[in-house]
């Protein structure tokens, strides 16, 4: 997409991921259960400046639970 169109659509050019930079978000060994149902088990996740991550999975995989842990809900 040409720069003029990026500006018109409000998009910003992406910066390359900073592989040596400290993570903006770091989770290690995260677990969460509801009664006897395990929603998250030993989850590790790090996100560095410029990285884009996707959380995908089937219903009941723990995607919303992970986002709730990250956001403090």
N, C-alpha and C. Protein backbone atom coordinates (compact mmCIF):
# COMPACT_ATOMS: atom_id res chain seq x y z
N UNK A 1 0.86 -1.17 0.00
CA UNK A 1 0.00 0.00 0.00
C UNK A 1 0.90 1.23 0.00
N UNK A 2 0.68 2.17 -0.92
CA UNK A 2 1.49 3.39 -0.96
C UNK A 2 1.35 4.20 0.32
N UNK A 3 2.38 4.99 0.63
CA UNK A 3 2.40 5.78 1.86
C UNK A 3 1.19 6.69 1.98
N UNK A 4 0.77 7.30 0.87
CA UNK A 4 -0.38 8.21 0.91
C UNK A 4 -1.64 7.46 1.35
N UNK A 5 -1.81 6.24 0.88
CA UNK A 5 -2.98 5.45 1.28
C UNK A 5 -2.87 5.02 2.74
N UNK A 6 -1.65 4.69 3.20
CA UNK A 6 -1.48 4.33 4.61
C UNK A 6 -1.92 5.47 5.50
N UNK A 7 -1.52 6.68 5.15
CA UNK A 7 -1.90 7.84 5.94
C UNK A 7 -3.42 8.02 5.92
N UNK A 8 -4.02 7.84 4.74
CA UNK A 8 -5.47 8.02 4.60
C UNK A 8 -6.23 7.00 5.45
N UNK A 9 -5.71 5.79 5.56
CA UNK A 9 -6.38 4.75 6.33
C UNK A 9 -5.95 4.71 7.79
N UNK A 10 -5.02 5.56 8.18
CA UNK A 10 -4.58 5.59 9.57
C UNK A 10 -3.60 4.49 9.93
N UNK A 11 -3.11 3.73 8.95
CA UNK A 11 -2.14 2.67 9.23
C UNK A 11 -0.77 3.27 9.47
N UNK A 12 -0.01 2.62 10.32
CA UNK A 12 1.37 3.03 10.53
C UNK A 12 2.27 1.95 9.95
N UNK A 13 3.39 2.36 9.36
CA UNK A 13 4.33 1.33 8.92
C UNK A 13 4.85 0.58 10.14
N UNK A 14 4.97 -0.73 10.03
CA UNK A 14 5.44 -1.53 11.16
C UNK A 14 6.95 -1.46 11.27
N UNK A 15 7.42 -1.45 12.50
CA UNK A 15 8.84 -1.52 12.77
C UNK A 15 9.22 -2.99 12.91
N UNK A 16 10.44 -3.35 12.51
CA UNK A 16 10.85 -4.74 12.69
C UNK A 16 10.93 -5.09 14.18
N UNK A 17 10.70 -6.35 14.48
CA UNK A 17 10.78 -6.81 15.87
C UNK A 17 12.19 -6.62 16.40
N UNK A 18 12.29 -6.19 17.63
CA UNK A 18 13.58 -5.98 18.28
C UNK A 18 13.95 -7.26 19.03
N UNK A 19 14.69 -8.15 18.36
CA UNK A 19 15.00 -9.47 18.93
C UNK A 19 15.81 -9.38 20.22
N UNK A 20 16.64 -8.35 20.34
CA UNK A 20 17.48 -8.22 21.53
C UNK A 20 16.83 -7.38 22.62
N UNK A 21 15.69 -6.78 22.33
CA UNK A 21 15.02 -5.91 23.31
C UNK A 21 14.36 -6.75 24.40
N UNK A 22 14.22 -6.15 25.56
CA UNK A 22 13.51 -6.81 26.65
C UNK A 22 12.04 -6.94 26.28
N UNK A 23 11.39 -8.02 26.69
CA UNK A 23 9.97 -8.18 26.39
C UNK A 23 9.12 -7.09 27.02
N UNK A 24 8.11 -6.65 26.29
CA UNK A 24 7.11 -5.75 26.85
C UNK A 24 6.13 -6.52 27.73
N UNK A 25 5.95 -7.79 27.40
CA UNK A 25 5.07 -8.68 28.16
C UNK A 25 5.80 -10.01 28.31
N UNK A 26 5.86 -10.53 29.52
CA UNK A 26 6.49 -11.83 29.75
C UNK A 26 5.67 -12.62 30.76
N UNK A 27 5.22 -13.79 30.35
CA UNK A 27 4.49 -14.71 31.23
C UNK A 27 5.28 -16.01 31.28
N UNK A 28 5.42 -16.57 32.46
CA UNK A 28 6.14 -17.84 32.60
C UNK A 28 5.38 -18.75 33.56
N UNK A 29 5.07 -19.95 33.10
CA UNK A 29 4.45 -20.95 33.95
C UNK A 29 3.07 -20.60 34.46
N UNK A 30 2.30 -19.86 33.68
CA UNK A 30 0.97 -19.43 34.09
C UNK A 30 0.01 -20.62 34.07
N UNK A 31 -0.77 -20.74 35.12
CA UNK A 31 -1.80 -21.78 35.21
C UNK A 31 -3.07 -21.19 35.79
N UNK A 32 -4.19 -21.73 35.39
CA UNK A 32 -5.49 -21.27 35.89
C UNK A 32 -6.47 -22.43 35.80
N UNK A 33 -7.21 -22.64 36.87
CA UNK A 33 -8.24 -23.68 36.83
C UNK A 33 -9.50 -23.18 37.51
N UNK A 34 -10.60 -23.76 37.11
CA UNK A 34 -11.91 -23.46 37.68
C UNK A 34 -12.43 -24.76 38.25
N UNK A 35 -12.35 -24.90 39.57
CA UNK A 35 -12.71 -26.18 40.17
C UNK A 35 -11.72 -27.22 39.69
N UNK A 36 -12.20 -28.28 39.09
CA UNK A 36 -11.32 -29.31 38.56
C UNK A 36 -10.98 -29.14 37.10
N UNK A 37 -11.47 -28.07 36.48
CA UNK A 37 -11.25 -27.85 35.04
C UNK A 37 -10.04 -26.94 34.85
N UNK A 38 -9.02 -27.45 34.17
CA UNK A 38 -7.81 -26.67 33.91
C UNK A 38 -8.02 -25.84 32.65
N UNK A 39 -7.95 -24.51 32.80
CA UNK A 39 -8.10 -23.61 31.66
C UNK A 39 -6.75 -23.28 31.04
N UNK A 40 -5.73 -23.10 31.87
CA UNK A 40 -4.37 -22.80 31.41
C UNK A 40 -3.40 -23.66 32.21
N UNK A 41 -2.42 -24.24 31.53
CA UNK A 41 -1.44 -25.08 32.21
C UNK A 41 -0.04 -24.76 31.70
N UNK A 42 0.78 -24.18 32.58
CA UNK A 42 2.20 -23.92 32.30
C UNK A 42 2.41 -23.12 31.01
N UNK A 43 1.72 -21.99 30.90
CA UNK A 43 1.79 -21.14 29.71
C UNK A 43 2.98 -20.19 29.82
N UNK A 44 3.80 -20.15 28.78
CA UNK A 44 4.89 -19.18 28.64
C UNK A 44 4.60 -18.33 27.41
N UNK A 45 4.76 -17.02 27.55
CA UNK A 45 4.53 -16.11 26.43
C UNK A 45 5.38 -14.87 26.64
N UNK A 46 6.06 -14.44 25.59
CA UNK A 46 6.76 -13.16 25.64
C UNK A 46 6.48 -12.40 24.36
N UNK A 47 6.37 -11.10 24.49
CA UNK A 47 6.12 -10.23 23.34
C UNK A 47 7.11 -9.07 23.42
N UNK A 48 7.92 -8.94 22.39
CA UNK A 48 8.93 -7.88 22.33
C UNK A 48 8.42 -6.73 21.47
N UNK A 49 9.04 -5.57 21.60
CA UNK A 49 8.63 -4.42 20.77
C UNK A 49 8.64 -4.78 19.29
N UNK A 50 7.56 -4.44 18.59
CA UNK A 50 7.46 -4.69 17.16
C UNK A 50 6.89 -6.04 16.79
N UNK A 51 6.76 -6.96 17.76
CA UNK A 51 6.21 -8.28 17.46
C UNK A 51 4.69 -8.24 17.43
N UNK A 52 4.14 -9.11 16.64
CA UNK A 52 2.69 -9.29 16.58
C UNK A 52 2.43 -10.76 16.92
N UNK A 53 1.56 -11.00 17.87
CA UNK A 53 1.21 -12.36 18.28
C UNK A 53 -0.29 -12.58 18.10
N UNK A 54 -0.65 -13.81 17.83
CA UNK A 54 -2.07 -14.18 17.72
C UNK A 54 -2.34 -15.30 18.72
N UNK A 55 -3.48 -15.26 19.35
CA UNK A 55 -3.91 -16.31 20.28
C UNK A 55 -5.07 -17.01 19.58
N UNK A 56 -4.84 -18.24 19.15
CA UNK A 56 -5.87 -18.98 18.42
C UNK A 56 -6.09 -20.34 19.07
N UNK A 57 -7.24 -20.90 18.83
CA UNK A 57 -7.56 -22.22 19.34
C UNK A 57 -9.05 -22.45 19.32
N UNK A 58 -9.45 -23.69 19.53
CA UNK A 58 -10.88 -24.01 19.51
C UNK A 58 -11.59 -23.47 20.76
N UNK A 59 -12.91 -23.54 20.74
CA UNK A 59 -13.70 -23.15 21.91
C UNK A 59 -13.23 -23.96 23.12
N UNK A 60 -13.07 -23.28 24.24
CA UNK A 60 -12.67 -23.95 25.46
C UNK A 60 -11.18 -24.16 25.61
N UNK A 61 -10.38 -23.59 24.71
CA UNK A 61 -8.93 -23.79 24.76
C UNK A 61 -8.24 -22.88 25.77
N UNK A 62 -8.93 -21.85 26.26
CA UNK A 62 -8.34 -20.96 27.26
C UNK A 62 -7.91 -19.60 26.74
N UNK A 63 -8.32 -19.26 25.52
CA UNK A 63 -7.93 -17.96 24.94
C UNK A 63 -8.42 -16.80 25.79
N UNK A 64 -9.69 -16.79 26.11
CA UNK A 64 -10.25 -15.70 26.93
C UNK A 64 -9.64 -15.70 28.32
N UNK A 65 -9.40 -16.86 28.88
CA UNK A 65 -8.77 -16.94 30.20
C UNK A 65 -7.38 -16.34 30.16
N UNK A 66 -6.62 -16.60 29.11
CA UNK A 66 -5.28 -16.02 28.99
C UNK A 66 -5.35 -14.50 28.89
N UNK A 67 -6.25 -13.99 28.07
CA UNK A 67 -6.40 -12.53 27.95
C UNK A 67 -6.83 -11.93 29.28
N UNK A 68 -7.70 -12.61 30.01
CA UNK A 68 -8.11 -12.11 31.33
C UNK A 68 -6.94 -12.08 32.31
N UNK A 69 -6.07 -13.08 32.27
CA UNK A 69 -4.89 -13.08 33.13
C UNK A 69 -3.98 -11.92 32.76
N UNK A 70 -3.75 -11.71 31.47
CA UNK A 70 -2.88 -10.62 31.01
C UNK A 70 -3.44 -9.27 31.43
N UNK A 71 -4.75 -9.10 31.30
CA UNK A 71 -5.36 -7.79 31.58
C UNK A 71 -5.71 -7.59 33.05
N UNK A 72 -5.58 -8.63 33.86
CA UNK A 72 -5.84 -8.49 35.29
C UNK A 72 -7.30 -8.64 35.68
N UNK A 73 -8.11 -9.19 34.80
CA UNK A 73 -9.54 -9.37 35.10
C UNK A 73 -9.73 -10.60 35.98
